[in-house]
């Protein structure tokens, strides 16, 4: 049995900037700190204003749970920075595409060195 010390599911508030009446993520970035999301929103508003476009209905939204692509055994990241995902399916698709040697078993992720055996 593989012991998971670092679960992919994080049950703590995270934040992202959403836009519109039917909220869509502005950049896809998810932040651990609300102030970083506020900063992202302000920078985007300034950039849009510089092009004569007003950024309507943008606000910071809270996420109660997110998924972090990291090995559940050693906490290794599949890339050079931590990737947070709002949905499990998005994490799986990203790893399938960019890191096919990584394995996902809800709610855990395993690097090539720590994949569970077939018998488990």
Protein backbone atom coordinates (compact mmCIF):
# COMPACT_ATOMS: atom_id res chain seq x y z
CA UNK A 1 0.00 0.00 0.00
CA UNK A 2 1.36 3.41 -0.99
CA UNK A 3 1.30 5.93 1.85
CA UNK A 4 0.15 9.36 0.69
CA UNK A 5 1.59 12.20 2.74
CA UNK A 6 0.86 15.01 0.26
CA UNK A 7 -2.70 14.78 -1.11
CA UNK A 8 -3.52 16.65 -4.31
CA UNK A 9 -6.81 17.92 -2.86
CA UNK A 10 -6.27 21.07 -0.79
CA UNK A 11 -9.22 22.03 1.39
CA UNK A 12 -8.32 25.61 2.19
CA UNK A 13 -9.41 28.87 0.60
CA UNK A 14 -7.76 29.89 -2.66
CA UNK A 15 -8.70 32.78 -4.93
CA UNK A 16 -8.99 33.67 -8.59
CA UNK A 17 -10.23 36.59 -10.65
CA UNK A 18 -13.45 36.03 -12.55
CA UNK A 19 -15.14 38.23 -15.14
CA UNK A 20 -18.69 38.59 -16.39
CA UNK A 21 -22.26 37.87 -15.43
CA UNK A 22 -21.51 34.16 -15.93
CA UNK A 23 -18.13 34.19 -14.20
CA UNK A 24 -15.20 32.96 -16.24
CA UNK A 25 -11.62 32.95 -14.96
CA UNK A 26 -9.64 35.95 -16.17
CA UNK A 27 -6.25 34.24 -16.47
CA UNK A 28 -6.71 30.75 -15.08
CA UNK A 29 -4.32 31.52 -12.23
CA UNK A 30 -5.31 30.39 -8.76
CA UNK A 31 -3.75 32.18 -5.80
CA UNK A 32 -3.27 31.05 -2.18
CA UNK A 33 -3.33 34.64 -1.01
CA UNK A 34 -6.33 36.88 -1.73
CA UNK A 35 -4.08 39.93 -2.06
CA UNK A 36 -2.32 38.30 -5.06
CA UNK A 37 -5.67 37.85 -6.81
CA UNK A 38 -6.58 41.49 -6.08
CA UNK A 39 -3.20 42.54 -7.51
CA UNK A 40 -3.82 40.44 -10.66
CA UNK A 41 -7.22 42.11 -11.10
CA UNK A 42 -5.75 45.62 -10.70
CA UNK A 43 -2.94 44.95 -13.18
CA UNK A 44 -5.40 43.55 -15.73
CA UNK A 45 -7.71 46.56 -15.30
CA UNK A 46 -4.76 48.92 -15.89
CA UNK A 47 -3.65 47.00 -18.99
CA UNK A 48 -7.16 46.99 -20.44
CA UNK A 49 -7.60 50.70 -19.63
CA UNK A 50 -4.33 51.44 -21.46
CA UNK A 51 -5.96 50.00 -24.59
CA UNK A 52 -9.18 51.95 -24.01
CA UNK A 53 -11.12 48.91 -22.77
CA UNK A 54 -12.95 48.85 -19.46
CA UNK A 55 -12.83 45.58 -17.53
CA UNK A 56 -16.45 45.06 -16.46
CA UNK A 57 -17.73 42.82 -13.70
CA UNK A 58 -14.33 41.58 -12.54
CA UNK A 59 -14.06 40.39 -8.97
CA UNK A 60 -12.08 38.03 -6.77
CA UNK A 61 -13.85 34.74 -6.10
CA UNK A 62 -13.01 32.21 -3.41
CA UNK A 63 -12.50 28.51 -4.03
CA UNK A 64 -12.95 26.18 -1.05
CA UNK A 65 -11.04 23.30 -2.65
CA UNK A 66 -8.36 23.12 -5.32
CA UNK A 67 -6.06 20.42 -6.67
CA UNK A 68 -2.28 20.69 -6.63
CA UNK A 69 -0.30 18.61 -9.11
CA UNK A 70 2.36 17.08 -6.85
CA UNK A 71 3.43 13.57 -5.97
CA UNK A 72 1.51 12.27 -2.97
CA UNK A 73 4.60 10.46 -1.65
CA UNK A 74 7.52 12.89 -2.15
CA UNK A 75 5.74 16.19 -3.06
CA UNK A 76 7.73 16.50 -6.30
CA UNK A 77 6.14 18.84 -8.83
CA UNK A 78 5.75 17.73 -12.44
CA UNK A 79 7.08 21.08 -13.66
CA UNK A 80 9.08 24.02 -12.44
CA UNK A 81 6.21 25.66 -10.56
CA UNK A 82 3.16 24.48 -8.62
CA UNK A 83 0.04 24.17 -10.78
CA UNK A 84 -3.29 24.58 -9.02
CA UNK A 85 -6.51 23.39 -10.63
CA UNK A 86 -10.14 24.14 -9.88
CA UNK A 87 -11.24 20.73 -11.18
CA UNK A 88 -9.77 17.23 -10.92
CA UNK A 89 -10.43 16.56 -14.63
CA UNK A 90 -8.29 19.57 -15.61
CA UNK A 91 -5.39 18.29 -13.50
CA UNK A 92 -5.68 14.83 -15.06
CA UNK A 93 -5.81 16.19 -18.62
CA UNK A 94 -2.79 18.44 -18.04
CA UNK A 95 -0.71 15.58 -16.65
CA UNK A 96 -1.83 13.22 -19.43
CA UNK A 97 -0.75 15.78 -22.01
CA UNK A 98 2.46 17.20 -20.54
CA UNK A 99 3.66 14.52 -18.07
CA UNK A 100 2.39 11.17 -19.34
CA UNK A 101 4.62 9.18 -16.95
CA UNK A 102 2.72 10.61 -13.96
CA UNK A 103 -0.29 8.67 -12.63
CA UNK A 104 -3.50 10.03 -11.11
CA UNK A 105 -5.83 8.09 -8.82
CA UNK A 106 -8.44 10.38 -7.31
CA UNK A 107 -7.55 12.31 -5.22
CA UNK A 108 -3.83 11.55 -5.53
CA UNK A 109 -1.01 12.10 -8.00
CA UNK A 110 2.13 9.95 -8.27
CA UNK A 111 5.47 10.71 -9.92
CA UNK A 112 7.18 7.98 -11.98
CA UNK A 113 9.24 6.85 -8.95
CA UNK A 114 6.25 6.37 -6.59
CA UNK A 115 3.48 4.84 -8.65
CA UNK A 116 1.32 2.34 -6.79
CA UNK A 117 1.82 -1.29 -7.74
CA UNK A 118 -0.86 -3.09 -9.75
CA UNK A 119 -1.67 -5.32 -6.73
CA UNK A 120 -2.91 -2.48 -4.55
